Amino acid sequence: MSEYQFVESAPFETGFSRIFDQQIAPFLREKEVERQAAVSRSMFWINFSGVVAVVLAGLGGYYIHPLFAIFPLAFGGAAALILYLERGGKVSSDVSKYIRPILCKFLGHMELHSDVPMSFLPIGRLVSLQIIPESERVRENHAISGTWRDTNYKLLQMSCSDTYRDSDNKRKTRTLFSGIVLEIDCPAALPRTVFVKDFGETLNKLYSWASRNVLPQHRWDLGLKDAEKIFEVFTDDPHQLEQYVKPEFAYTLSEIAKRYQGGRDYCSAAFSGNKFYLALSLPHGFLSFNLGGAPLSEADETIHRAFRDLVMPRQIIDALHQ
């Protein structure tokens, strides 16, 4: 494929190649010049820091103590690593900010918010429904609101983390969740229903007992052997739920989970009133176009990936309308 070309590969991408040629390709060519200059600068400073570290290590080892040579080499290596990882970082940020609104405008019926609106998603409800884990810190980014088939939805990039002390009593940060959370309006108020991971018969009983004050009291028998190897479903009213949601919906959740989570077939999901919630742990940055030092002419695959992320709510809504 020639440089700076976008080949449409899905129905929702139809017509985007023209927009890519007119709006995105010229911008990428301009930014590629900046990226190459940034890479050249970083390589200069990496080489420079390496030479300085070796010189200081030699002098320190000769005049002070042989073990002293370890410290300049360690600091020099750390500095070189930081410079390598951050090369072209500003260019990647500029590319991401430029392309995101173009994709959202092309798909239509969605708005990318420049800042996350206050109380965009109900964090407390997400925790109580076990959509996201309880954590010390919740970080929100890239908020999108949209409509598909006359159904409103919200999409939010989110990460949850807490701190802990390791065996040396040093404080460290642990990421508990990193991905996207989706909220979709339901056609009717549904009973509180939570999809949890299937741990096997014995552990399921233990988990159900331990969560008896958190989970809805009734287990929904899906009647689907394969789906019940993935999900345990608890609801306040299985009979009311079955009027609006088919057991096969669990297959939809599993397929979407595998597609977006790199093969992992379980995802957190729940109904609560007239809302449906879903969380997916992404193996990549949501709406991120950081190519890791690769030429910007190769940005087409990251655009395909961003398109797939953006249309995910439509797939859930389609399944709920079946």
C-alpha atoms as a PDB file:
ATOM      1  CA  MET A   1       0.000   0.000   0.000  1.00  0.00           C
ATOM      2  CA  SER A   2       1.299   3.470  -0.865  1.00  0.00           C
ATOM      3  CA  GLU A   3       2.101   5.944   1.871  1.00  0.00           C
ATOM      4  CA  TYR A   4      -0.632   8.020   3.500  1.00  0.00           C
ATOM      5  CA  GLN A   5      -3.491   5.980   2.144  1.00  0.00           C
ATOM      6  CA  PHE A   6      -6.595   4.719   3.949  1.00  0.00           C
ATOM      7  CA  VAL A   7      -8.299   1.594   2.605  1.00  0.00           C
ATOM      8  CA  GLU A   8     -11.912   1.249   3.771  1.00  0.00           C
ATOM      9  CA  SER A   9     -12.476  -2.191   5.301  1.00  0.00           C
ATOM     10  CA  ALA A  10     -15.866  -1.944   7.038  1.00  0.00           C
ATOM     11  CA  PRO A  11     -19.294  -0.585   6.065  1.00  0.00           C
ATOM     12  CA  PHE A  12     -19.097   2.215   8.639  1.00  0.00           C
ATOM     13  CA  GLU A  13     -15.852   3.428   7.014  1.00  0.00           C
ATOM     14  CA  THR A  14     -17.449   3.939   3.588  1.00  0.00           C
ATOM     15  CA  GLY A  15     -16.494   7.364   2.231  1.00  0.00           C
ATOM     16  CA  PHE A  16     -13.756   8.030   4.777  1.00  0.00           C
ATOM     17  CA  SER A  17     -10.865   7.534   2.324  1.00  0.00           C
ATOM     18  CA  ARG A  18     -11.772  10.830   0.652  1.00  0.00           C
ATOM     19  CA  ILE A  19     -11.738  12.664   3.989  1.00  0.00           C
ATOM     20  CA  PHE A  20      -8.432  10.993   4.829  1.00  0.00           C
ATOM     21  CA  ASP A  21      -6.876  12.207   1.564  1.00  0.00           C
ATOM     22  CA  GLN A  22      -8.205  15.755   1.968  1.00  0.00           C
ATOM     23  CA  GLN A  23      -7.819  16.419   5.692  1.00  0.00           C
ATOM     24  CA  ILE A  24      -5.631  13.836   7.422  1.00  0.00           C
ATOM     25  CA  ALA A  25      -2.896  12.885   4.939  1.00  0.00           C
ATOM     26  CA  PRO A  26      -1.570  16.471   4.518  1.00  0.00           C
ATOM     27  CA  PHE A  27      -1.492  16.898   8.300  1.00  0.00           C
ATOM     28  CA  LEU A  28       0.357  13.589   8.782  1.00  0.00           C
ATOM     29  CA  ARG A  29       2.975  14.525   6.178  1.00  0.00           C
ATOM     30  CA  GLU A  30       3.640  17.776   8.010  1.00  0.00           C
ATOM     31  CA  LYS A  31       3.847  16.070  11.385  1.00  0.00           C
ATOM     32  CA  GLU A  32       6.127  13.327  10.035  1.00  0.00           C
ATOM     33  CA  VAL A  33       8.782  15.976   9.402  1.00  0.00           C
ATOM     34  CA  GLU A  34       8.463  17.064  13.045  1.00  0.00           C
ATOM     35  CA  ARG A  35       8.548  13.446  14.239  1.00  0.00           C
ATOM     36  CA  GLN A  36      11.762  12.654  12.391  1.00  0.00           C
ATOM     37  CA  ALA A  37      13.373  15.806  13.792  1.00  0.00           C
ATOM     38  CA  ALA A  38      12.291  14.813  17.322  1.00  0.00           C
ATOM     39  CA  VAL A  39      13.701  11.299  16.866  1.00  0.00           C
ATOM     40  CA  SER A  40      17.017  12.744  15.647  1.00  0.00           C
ATOM     41  CA  ARG A  41      17.222  15.052  18.682  1.00  0.00           C
ATOM     42  CA  SER A  42      16.446  12.234  21.097  1.00  0.00           C
ATOM     43  CA  MET A  43      19.081   9.980  19.520  1.00  0.00           C
ATOM     44  CA  PHE A  44      21.670  12.749  19.911  1.00  0.00           C
ATOM     45  CA  TRP A  45      20.928  13.156  23.600  1.00  0.00           C
ATOM     46  CA  ILE A  46      20.780   9.388  24.137  1.00  0.00           C
ATOM     47  CA  ASN A  47      24.263   9.031  22.656  1.00  0.00           C
ATOM     48  CA  PHE A  48      25.491  12.052  24.592  1.00  0.00           C
ATOM     49  CA  SER A  49      24.161  10.748  27.928  1.00  0.00           C
ATOM     50  CA  GLY A  50      25.733   7.365  27.204  1.00  0.00           C
ATOM     51  CA  VAL A  51      29.165   8.904  26.571  1.00  0.00           C
ATOM     52  CA  VAL A  52      28.957  11.053  29.702  1.00  0.00           C
ATOM     53  CA  ALA A  53      27.910   8.061  31.804  1.00  0.00           C
ATOM     54  CA  VAL A  54      30.810   5.953  30.538  1.00  0.00           C
ATOM     55  CA  VAL A  55      33.333   8.758  31.164  1.00  0.00           C
ATOM     56  CA  LEU A  56      32.061   9.407  34.691  1.00  0.00           C
ATOM     57  CA  ALA A  57      32.007   5.688  35.417  1.00  0.00           C
ATOM     58  CA  GLY A  58      35.624   5.352  34.286  1.00  0.00           C
ATOM     59  CA  LEU A  59      36.834   8.318  36.304  1.00  0.00           C
ATOM     60  CA  GLY A  60      34.883   7.365  39.390  1.00  0.00           C
ATOM     61  CA  GLY A  61      36.013   3.778  39.234  1.00  0.00           C
ATOM     62  CA  TYR A  62      39.640   4.801  38.877  1.00  0.00           C
ATOM     63  CA  TYR A  63      39.851   7.671  41.383  1.00  0.00           C
ATOM     64  CA  ILE A  64      37.205   6.711  43.961  1.00  0.00           C
ATOM     65  CA  HIS A  65      36.294   3.027  43.958  1.00  0.00           C
ATOM     66  CA  PRO A  66      35.587   0.428  41.284  1.00  0.00           C
ATOM     67  CA  LEU A  67      32.005  -0.027  42.549  1.00  0.00           C
ATOM     68  CA  PHE A  68      31.350   3.686  42.041  1.00  0.00           C
ATOM     69  CA  ALA A  69      31.182   3.056  38.291  1.00  0.00           C
ATOM     70  CA  ILE A  70      27.776   1.411  38.744  1.00  0.00           C
ATOM     71  CA  PHE A  71      26.017   4.673  39.637  1.00  0.00           C
ATOM     72  CA  PRO A  72      26.830   6.790  36.538  1.00  0.00           C
ATOM     73  CA  LEU A  73      26.027   3.831  34.284  1.00  0.00           C
ATOM     74  CA  ALA A  74      22.679   3.272  36.001  1.00  0.00           C
ATOM     75  CA  PHE A  75      21.683   6.948  35.834  1.00  0.00           C
ATOM     76  CA  GLY A  76      22.858   7.198  32.243  1.00  0.00           C
ATOM     77  CA  GLY A  77      20.867   4.128  31.254  1.00  0.00           C
ATOM     78  CA  ALA A  78      17.735   5.488  32.953  1.00  0.00           C
ATOM     79  CA  ALA A  79      18.106   8.850  31.209  1.00  0.00           C
ATOM     80  CA  ALA A  80      18.571   7.142  27.838  1.00  0.00           C
ATOM     81  CA  LEU A  81      15.456   5.020  28.400  1.00  0.00           C
ATOM     82  CA  ILE A  82      13.335   8.066  29.262  1.00  0.00           C
ATOM     83  CA  LEU A  83      14.549   9.931  26.191  1.00  0.00           C
ATOM     84  CA  TYR A  84      13.832   6.904  24.006  1.00  0.00           C
ATOM     85  CA  LEU A  85      10.298   6.400  25.315  1.00  0.00           C
ATOM     86  CA  GLU A  86       9.380  10.090  25.024  1.00  0.00           C
ATOM     87  CA  ARG A  87      10.706  10.638  21.509  1.00  0.00           C
ATOM     88  CA  GLY A  88       8.025  12.166  19.316  1.00  0.00           C
ATOM     89  CA  GLY A  89       5.564  12.299  22.218  1.00  0.00           C
ATOM     90  CA  LYS A  90       4.317  15.787  21.340  1.00  0.00           C
ATOM     91  CA  VAL A  91       3.779  14.775  17.725  1.00  0.00           C
ATOM     92  CA  SER A  92       1.695  11.749  18.775  1.00  0.00           C
ATOM     93  CA  SER A  93      -0.381  13.971  21.056  1.00  0.00           C
ATOM     94  CA  ASP A  94      -0.970  16.500  18.256  1.00  0.00           C
ATOM     95  CA  VAL A  95      -2.006  13.730  15.834  1.00  0.00           C
ATOM     96  CA  SER A  96      -4.461  12.243  18.354  1.00  0.00           C
ATOM     97  CA  LYS A  97      -6.082  15.610  19.096  1.00  0.00           C
ATOM     98  CA  TYR A  98      -6.445  16.346  15.391  1.00  0.00           C
ATOM     99  CA  ILE A  99      -7.883  13.001  14.249  1.00  0.00           C
ATOM    100  CA  ARG A 100     -10.347  12.266  17.094  1.00  0.00           C
ATOM    101  CA  PRO A 101     -12.963  14.921  16.245  1.00  0.00           C
ATOM    102  CA  ILE A 102     -12.725  14.104  12.527  1.00  0.00           C
ATOM    103  CA  LEU A 103     -13.649  10.461  13.188  1.00  0.00           C
ATOM    104  CA  CYS A 104     -16.536  11.396  15.489  1.00  0.00           C
ATOM    105  CA  LYS A 105     -17.900  13.935  13.006  1.00  0.00           C
ATOM    106  CA  PHE A 106     -17.666  11.402  10.177  1.00  0.00           C
ATOM    107  CA  LEU A 107     -19.629   8.737  12.061  1.00  0.00           C
ATOM    108  CA  GLY A 108     -22.220  11.305  13.067  1.00  0.00           C
ATOM    109  CA  HIS A 109     -24.712  11.419  15.932  1.00  0.00           C
ATOM    110  CA  MET A 110     -21.914  11.598  18.511  1.00  0.00           C
ATOM    111  CA  GLU A 111     -20.128  14.372  20.385  1.00  0.00           C
ATOM    112  CA  LEU A 112     -16.566  14.254  21.650  1.00  0.00           C
ATOM    113  CA  HIS A 113     -16.362  16.452  24.738  1.00  0.00           C
ATOM    114  CA  SER A 114     -13.180  18.515  25.084  1.00  0.00           C
ATOM    115  CA  ASP A 115     -13.438  18.068  28.866  1.00  0.00           C
ATOM    116  CA  VAL A 116     -15.273  15.350  30.782  1.00  0.00           C
ATOM    117  CA  PRO A 117     -18.573  16.875  31.996  1.00  0.00           C
ATOM    118  CA  MET A 118     -19.226  16.866  35.721  1.00  0.00           C
ATOM    119  CA  SER A 119     -20.832  13.563  36.857  1.00  0.00           C
ATOM    120  CA  PHE A 120     -20.755  12.258  33.288  1.00  0.00           C
ATOM    121  CA  LEU A 121     -21.186   8.706  34.605  1.00  0.00           C
ATOM    122  CA  PRO A 122     -22.354   7.736  38.136  1.00  0.00           C
ATOM    123  CA  ILE A 123     -19.162   6.415  39.724  1.00  0.00           C
ATOM    124  CA  GLY A 124     -20.892   5.228  42.890  1.00  0.00           C
ATOM    125  CA  ARG A 125     -23.449   3.233  40.904  1.00  0.00           C
ATOM    126  CA  LEU A 126     -20.719   1.724  38.712  1.00  0.00           C
ATOM    127  CA  VAL A 127     -18.901   0.496  41.819  1.00  0.00           C
ATOM    128  CA  SER A 128     -22.051  -0.881  43.480  1.00  0.00           C
ATOM    129  CA  LEU A 129     -22.935  -2.759  40.281  1.00  0.00           C
ATOM    130  CA  GLN A 130     -19.365  -4.122  40.119  1.00  0.00           C
ATOM    131  CA  ILE A 131     -18.766  -2.509  36.730  1.00  0.00           C
ATOM    132  CA  ILE A 132     -15.535  -0.963  38.014  1.00  0.00           C
ATOM    133  CA  PRO A 133     -13.620  -1.875  41.171  1.00  0.00           C
ATOM    134  CA  GLU A 134     -13.675   0.262  44.285  1.00  0.00           C
ATOM    135  CA  SER A 135     -10.429   2.234  44.245  1.00  0.00           C
ATOM    136  CA  GLU A 136      -8.604   5.218  45.690  1.00  0.00           C
ATOM    137  CA  ARG A 137      -8.361   7.079  42.390  1.00  0.00           C
ATOM    138  CA  VAL A 138     -10.579   7.201  39.310  1.00  0.00           C
ATOM    139  CA  ARG A 139      -9.266   8.979  36.233  1.00  0.00           C
ATOM    140  CA  GLU A 140     -11.664   9.963  33.436  1.00  0.00           C
ATOM    141  CA  ASN A 141     -10.818  10.974  29.869  1.00  0.00           C
ATOM    142  CA  HIS A 142     -12.261  11.127  26.332  1.00  0.00           C
ATOM    143  CA  ALA A 143     -15.983  11.443  27.075  1.00  0.00           C
ATOM    144  CA  ILE A 144     -18.360  10.773  24.170  1.00  0.00           C
ATOM    145  CA  SER A 145     -22.129  11.049  24.051  1.00  0.00           C
ATOM    146  CA  GLY A 146     -24.155   9.855  21.098  1.00  0.00           C
ATOM    147  CA  THR A 147     -27.349   8.403  19.674  1.00  0.00           C
ATOM    148  CA  TRP A 148     -27.970   5.252  17.666  1.00  0.00           C
ATOM    149  CA  ARG A 149     -31.388   3.931  16.649  1.00  0.00           C
ATOM    150  CA  ASP A 150     -32.981   6.690  18.759  1.00  0.00           C
ATOM    151  CA  THR A 151     -31.114   5.377  21.797  1.00  0.00           C
ATOM    152  CA  ASN A 152     -28.789   7.618  23.794  1.00  0.00           C
ATOM    153  CA  TYR A 153     -25.453   6.380  25.065  1.00  0.00           C
ATOM    154  CA  LYS A 154     -22.300   7.617  26.788  1.00  0.00           C
ATOM    155  CA  LEU A 155     -18.773   6.298  26.407  1.00  0.00           C
ATOM    156  CA  LEU A 156     -15.919   7.170  28.758  1.00  0.00           C
ATOM    157  CA  GLN A 157     -12.289   6.191  29.006  1.00  0.00           C
ATOM    158  CA  MET A 158     -11.547   5.384  32.622  1.00  0.00           C
ATOM    159  CA  SER A 159      -8.805   3.983  34.843  1.00  0.00           C
ATOM    160  CA  CYS A 160      -8.970   2.937  38.497  1.00  0.00           C
ATOM    161  CA  SER A 161      -5.936   2.604  40.732  1.00  0.00           C
ATOM    162  CA  ASP A 162      -4.883   2.444  44.341  1.00  0.00           C
ATOM    163  CA  THR A 163      -1.652   2.531  46.300  1.00  0.00           C
ATOM    164  CA  TYR A 164       0.027  -0.165  48.342  1.00  0.00           C
ATOM    165  CA  ARG A 165       3.302  -0.834  50.082  1.00  0.00           C
ATOM    166  CA  ASP A 166       5.627  -3.524  48.794  1.00  0.00           C
ATOM    167  CA  SER A 167       7.849  -5.842  50.826  1.00  0.00           C
ATOM    168  CA  ASP A 168      10.342  -2.972  51.271  1.00  0.00           C
ATOM    169  CA  ASN A 169       7.566  -0.702  52.587  1.00  0.00           C
ATOM    170  CA  LYS A 170       7.771   1.478  49.477  1.00  0.00           C
ATOM    171  CA  ARG A 171       4.535   3.054  48.263  1.00  0.00           C
ATOM    172  CA  LYS A 172       3.534   1.932  44.770  1.00  0.00           C
ATOM    173  CA  THR A 173       0.559   2.381  42.478  1.00  0.00           C
ATOM    174  CA  ARG A 174      -1.496  -0.538  41.193  1.00  0.00           C
ATOM    175  CA  THR A 175      -3.886  -0.270  38.225  1.00  0.00           C
ATOM    176  CA  LEU A 176      -7.138  -2.127  38.907  1.00  0.00           C
ATOM    177  CA  PHE A 177      -8.929  -1.252  35.680  1.00  0.00           C
ATOM    178  CA  SER A 178      -8.028   0.568  32.470  1.00  0.00           C
ATOM    179  CA  GLY A 179     -10.401   0.764  29.534  1.00  0.00           C
ATOM    180  CA  ILE A 180     -13.792   2.150  28.555  1.00  0.00           C
ATOM    181  CA  VAL A 181     -17.151   2.222  30.316  1.00  0.00           C
ATOM    182  CA  LEU A 182     -20.427   2.431  28.401  1.00  0.00           C
ATOM    183  CA  GLU A 183     -23.866   3.620  29.514  1.00  0.00           C
ATOM    184  CA  ILE A 184     -26.875   2.931  27.268  1.00  0.00           C
ATOM    185  CA  ASP A 185     -30.492   3.982  27.748  1.00  0.00           C
ATOM    186  CA  CYS A 186     -32.909   1.051  27.916  1.00  0.00           C
ATOM    187  CA  PRO A 187     -36.420   1.101  26.415  1.00  0.00           C
ATOM    188  CA  ALA A 188     -37.938   0.330  29.830  1.00  0.00           C
ATOM    189  CA  ALA A 189     -36.979   0.241  33.490  1.00  0.00           C
ATOM    190  CA  LEU A 190     -35.356  -3.138  34.070  1.00  0.00           C
ATOM    191  CA  PRO A 191     -34.680  -4.932  37.361  1.00  0.00           C
ATOM    192  CA  ARG A 192     -31.190  -4.576  38.773  1.00  0.00           C
ATOM    193  CA  THR A 193     -29.161  -7.294  37.050  1.00  0.00           C
ATOM    194  CA  VAL A 194     -25.438  -7.993  37.365  1.00  0.00           C
ATOM    195  CA  PHE A 195     -23.269 -10.181  35.112  1.00  0.00           C
ATOM    196  CA  VAL A 196     -20.360 -11.600  37.138  1.00  0.00           C
ATOM    197  CA  LYS A 197     -17.586 -13.972  36.189  1.00  0.00           C
ATOM    198  CA  ASP A 198     -18.179 -17.720  36.429  1.00  0.00           C
ATOM    199  CA  PHE A 199     -15.558 -19.260  38.734  1.00  0.00           C
ATOM    200  CA  GLY A 200     -16.803 -22.827  38.720  1.00  0.00           C
ATOM    201  CA  GLU A 201     -19.520 -24.443  40.812  1.00  0.00           C
ATOM    202  CA  THR A 202     -17.775 -24.421  44.198  1.00  0.00           C
ATOM    203  CA  LEU A 203     -16.284 -20.927  43.944  1.00  0.00           C
ATOM    204  CA  ASN A 204     -19.539 -19.569  42.524  1.00  0.00           C
ATOM    205  CA  LYS A 205     -21.362 -20.664  45.680  1.00  0.00           C
ATOM    206  CA  LEU A 206     -18.665 -19.124  47.863  1.00  0.00           C
ATOM    207  CA  TYR A 207     -18.731 -15.868  45.867  1.00  0.00           C
ATOM    208  CA  SER A 208     -22.522 -15.736  45.957  1.00  0.00           C
ATOM    209  CA  TRP A 209     -22.520 -16.195  49.730  1.00  0.00           C
ATOM    210  CA  ALA A 210     -19.802 -13.582  50.262  1.00  0.00           C
ATOM    211  CA  SER A 211     -21.670 -11.078  48.043  1.00  0.00           C
ATOM    212  CA  ARG A 212     -25.161 -11.852  49.335  1.00  0.00           C
ATOM    213  CA  ASN A 213     -25.609  -8.286  50.611  1.00  0.00           C
ATOM    214  CA  VAL A 214     -24.375  -6.762  47.332  1.00  0.00           C
ATOM    215  CA  LEU A 215     -25.686  -8.896  44.490  1.00  0.00           C
ATOM    216  CA  PRO A 216     -29.377  -9.204  43.539  1.00  0.00           C
ATOM    217  CA  GLN A 217     -30.941 -12.203  45.263  1.00  0.00           C
ATOM    218  CA  HIS A 218     -32.105 -14.280  42.251  1.00  0.00           C
ATOM    219  CA  ARG A 219     -29.859 -16.201  39.895  1.00  0.00           C
ATOM    220  CA  TRP A 220     -30.960 -15.957  36.260  1.00  0.00           C
ATOM    221  CA  ASP A 221     -30.684 -19.346  34.606  1.00  0.00           C
ATOM    222  CA  LEU A 222     -29.581 -18.533  31.070  1.00  0.00           C
ATOM    223  CA  GLY A 223     -30.154 -22.067  29.838  1.00  0.00           C
ATOM    224  CA  LEU A 224     -27.102 -21.663  27.600  1.00  0.00           C
ATOM    225  CA  LYS A 225     -24.283 -24.033  28.514  1.00  0.00           C
ATOM    226  CA  ASP A 226     -21.465 -22.114  26.818  1.00  0.00           C
ATOM    227  CA  ALA A 227     -22.597 -18.734  28.153  1.00  0.00           C
ATOM    228  CA  GLU A 228     -22.877 -20.069  31.697  1.00  0.00           C
ATOM    229  CA  LYS A 229     -19.215 -21.064  31.540  1.00  0.00           C
ATOM    230  CA  ILE A 230     -18.479 -17.339  31.307  1.00  0.00           C
ATOM    231  CA  PHE A 231     -21.207 -15.525  33.258  1.00  0.00           C
ATOM    232  CA  GLU A 232     -23.180 -15.903  36.444  1.00  0.00           C
ATOM    233  CA  VAL A 233     -26.174 -13.567  36.271  1.00  0.00           C
ATOM    234  CA  PHE A 234     -28.032 -12.263  39.323  1.00  0.00           C
ATOM    235  CA  THR A 235     -31.221 -10.200  39.113  1.00  0.00           C
ATOM    236  CA  ASP A 236     -33.954  -8.789  41.307  1.00  0.00           C
ATOM    237  CA  ASP A 237     -36.686 -10.162  39.026  1.00  0.00           C
ATOM    238  CA  PRO A 238     -35.812 -12.816  36.402  1.00  0.00           C
ATOM    239  CA  HIS A 239     -39.369 -12.923  34.986  1.00  0.00           C
ATOM    240  CA  GLN A 240     -39.485  -9.177  34.321  1.00  0.00           C
ATOM    241  CA  LEU A 241     -35.968  -9.249  32.893  1.00  0.00           C
ATOM    242  CA  GLU A 242     -36.845 -11.997  30.388  1.00  0.00           C
ATOM    243  CA  GLN A 243     -39.582  -9.801  28.903  1.00  0.00           C
ATOM    244  CA  TYR A 244     -36.910  -7.436  27.517  1.00  0.00           C
ATOM    245  CA  VAL A 245     -33.582  -9.309  27.453  1.00  0.00           C
ATOM    246  CA  LYS A 246     -32.963 -12.654  25.773  1.00  0.00           C
ATOM    247  CA  PRO A 247     -30.435 -15.107  27.289  1.00  0.00           C
ATOM    248  CA  GLU A 248     -28.524 -14.962  23.976  1.00  0.00           C
ATOM    249  CA  PHE A 249     -27.503 -11.417  24.937  1.00  0.00           C
ATOM    250  CA  ALA A 250     -24.781 -13.082  27.021  1.00  0.00           C
ATOM    251  CA  TYR A 251     -23.241 -14.377  23.773  1.00  0.00           C
ATOM    252  CA  THR A 252     -23.156 -10.820  22.428  1.00  0.00           C
ATOM    253  CA  LEU A 253     -21.310  -9.646  25.532  1.00  0.00           C
ATOM    254  CA  SER A 254     -18.824 -12.495  25.250  1.00  0.00           C
ATOM    255  CA  GLU A 255     -18.117 -11.862  21.561  1.00  0.00           C
ATOM    256  CA  ILE A 256     -17.596  -8.144  22.129  1.00  0.00           C
ATOM    257  CA  ALA A 257     -15.372  -8.876  25.116  1.00  0.00           C
ATOM    258  CA  LYS A 258     -13.147 -11.201  23.060  1.00  0.00           C
ATOM    259  CA  ARG A 259     -12.993  -8.760  20.162  1.00  0.00           C
ATOM    260  CA  TYR A 260     -11.988  -5.735  22.224  1.00  0.00           C
ATOM    261  CA  GLN A 261     -10.080  -7.304  25.115  1.00  0.00           C
ATOM    262  CA  GLY A 262      -7.619  -9.349  23.108  1.00  0.00           C
ATOM    263  CA  GLY A 263      -9.403 -12.680  23.522  1.00  0.00           C
ATOM    264  CA  ARG A 264     -10.672 -12.349  27.102  1.00  0.00           C
ATOM    265  CA  ASP A 265     -14.308 -13.467  26.948  1.00  0.00           C
ATOM    266  CA  TYR A 266     -15.639 -11.985  30.213  1.00  0.00           C
ATOM    267  CA  CYS A 267     -16.612  -8.361  30.792  1.00  0.00           C
ATOM    268  CA  SER A 268     -18.457  -6.577  33.591  1.00  0.00           C
ATOM    269  CA  ALA A 269     -22.041  -5.666  32.688  1.00  0.00           C
ATOM    270  CA  ALA A 270     -25.253  -4.714  34.474  1.00  0.00           C
ATOM    271  CA  PHE A 271     -28.783  -3.350  34.073  1.00  0.00           C
ATOM    272  CA  SER A 272     -30.065  -0.808  36.552  1.00  0.00           C
ATOM    273  CA  GLY A 273     -33.383   0.931  35.990  1.00  0.00           C
ATOM    274  CA  ASN A 274     -33.430   2.341  32.457  1.00  0.00           C
ATOM    275  CA  LYS A 275     -29.647   2.066  32.040  1.00  0.00           C
ATOM    276  CA  PHE A 276     -27.266  -0.635  30.847  1.00  0.00           C
ATOM    277  CA  TYR A 277     -23.589  -0.491  31.820  1.00  0.00           C
ATOM    278  CA  LEU A 278     -20.567  -2.257  30.346  1.00  0.00           C
ATOM    279  CA  ALA A 279     -16.821  -2.089  31.034  1.00  0.00           C
ATOM    280  CA  LEU A 280     -14.088  -3.323  28.697  1.00  0.00           C
ATOM    281  CA  SER A 281     -10.384  -3.542  29.555  1.00  0.00           C
ATOM    282  CA  LEU A 282      -8.596  -2.413  26.413  1.00  0.00           C
ATOM    283  CA  PRO A 283      -5.093  -3.658  25.505  1.00  0.00           C
ATOM    284  CA  HIS A 284      -4.554  -0.338  23.685  1.00  0.00           C
ATOM    285  CA  GLY A 285      -5.152   3.329  24.342  1.00  0.00           C
ATOM    286  CA  PHE A 286      -8.678   4.483  23.511  1.00  0.00           C
ATOM    287  CA  LEU A 287      -8.583   6.976  20.624  1.00  0.00           C
ATOM    288  CA  SER A 288      -4.795   7.047  20.915  1.00  0.00           C
ATOM    289  CA  PHE A 289      -2.640   7.371  17.801  1.00  0.00           C
ATOM    290  CA  ASN A 290       0.760   6.866  19.404  1.00  0.00           C
ATOM    291  CA  LEU A 291       2.636   4.768  16.847  1.00  0.00           C
ATOM    292  CA  GLY A 292       5.599   4.141  19.134  1.00  0.00           C
ATOM    293  CA  GLY A 293       8.149   5.762  16.852  1.00  0.00           C
ATOM    294  CA  ALA A 294       6.778   4.308  13.608  1.00  0.00           C
ATOM    295  CA  PRO A 295       6.313   6.570  10.550  1.00  0.00           C
ATOM    296  CA  LEU A 296       2.981   8.410  10.486  1.00  0.00           C
ATOM    297  CA  SER A 297       2.328   6.937   7.055  1.00  0.00           C
ATOM    298  CA  GLU A 298       1.408   3.776   8.988  1.00  0.00           C
ATOM    299  CA  ALA A 299      -1.395   5.497  10.938  1.00  0.00           C
ATOM    300  CA  ASP A 300      -4.135   3.768   8.933  1.00  0.00           C
ATOM    301  CA  GLU A 301      -4.316   0.720  11.229  1.00  0.00           C
ATOM    302  CA  THR A 302      -4.706   2.871  14.357  1.00  0.00           C
ATOM    303  CA  ILE A 303      -7.555   4.698  12.600  1.00  0.00           C
ATOM    304  CA  HIS A 304      -9.262   1.377  11.813  1.00  0.00           C
ATOM    305  CA  ARG A 305      -8.897   0.455  15.486  1.00  0.00           C
ATOM    306  CA  ALA A 306     -10.354   3.792  16.629  1.00  0.00           C
ATOM    307  CA  PHE A 307     -13.333   3.303  14.310  1.00  0.00           C
ATOM    308  CA  ARG A 308     -13.978  -0.139  15.806  1.00  0.00           C
ATOM    309  CA  ASP A 309     -13.886   1.334  19.316  1.00  0.00           C
ATOM    310  CA  LEU A 310     -16.295   4.121  18.403  1.00  0.00           C
ATOM    311  CA  VAL A 311     -18.948   1.859  16.842  1.00  0.00           C
ATOM    312  CA  MET A 312     -18.946  -0.625  19.726  1.00  0.00           C
ATOM    313  CA  PRO A 313     -21.975   1.047  21.401  1.00  0.00           C
ATOM    314  CA  ARG A 314     -23.938   0.528  18.187  1.00  0.00           C
ATOM    315  CA  GLN A 315     -23.348  -3.224  18.369  1.00  0.00           C
ATOM    316  CA  ILE A 316     -24.692  -3.374  21.932  1.00  0.00           C
ATOM    317  CA  ILE A 317     -27.729  -1.263  21.025  1.00  0.00           C
ATOM    318  CA  ASP A 318     -28.438  -3.447  17.991  1.00  0.00           C
ATOM    319  CA  ALA A 319     -28.355  -6.530  20.246  1.00  0.00           C
ATOM    320  CA  LEU A 320     -30.705  -4.928  22.772  1.00  0.00           C
ATOM    321  CA  HIS A 321     -33.201  -4.126  20.007  1.00  0.00           C
ATOM    322  CA  GLN A 322     -33.330  -7.687  18.670  1.00  0.00           C
END
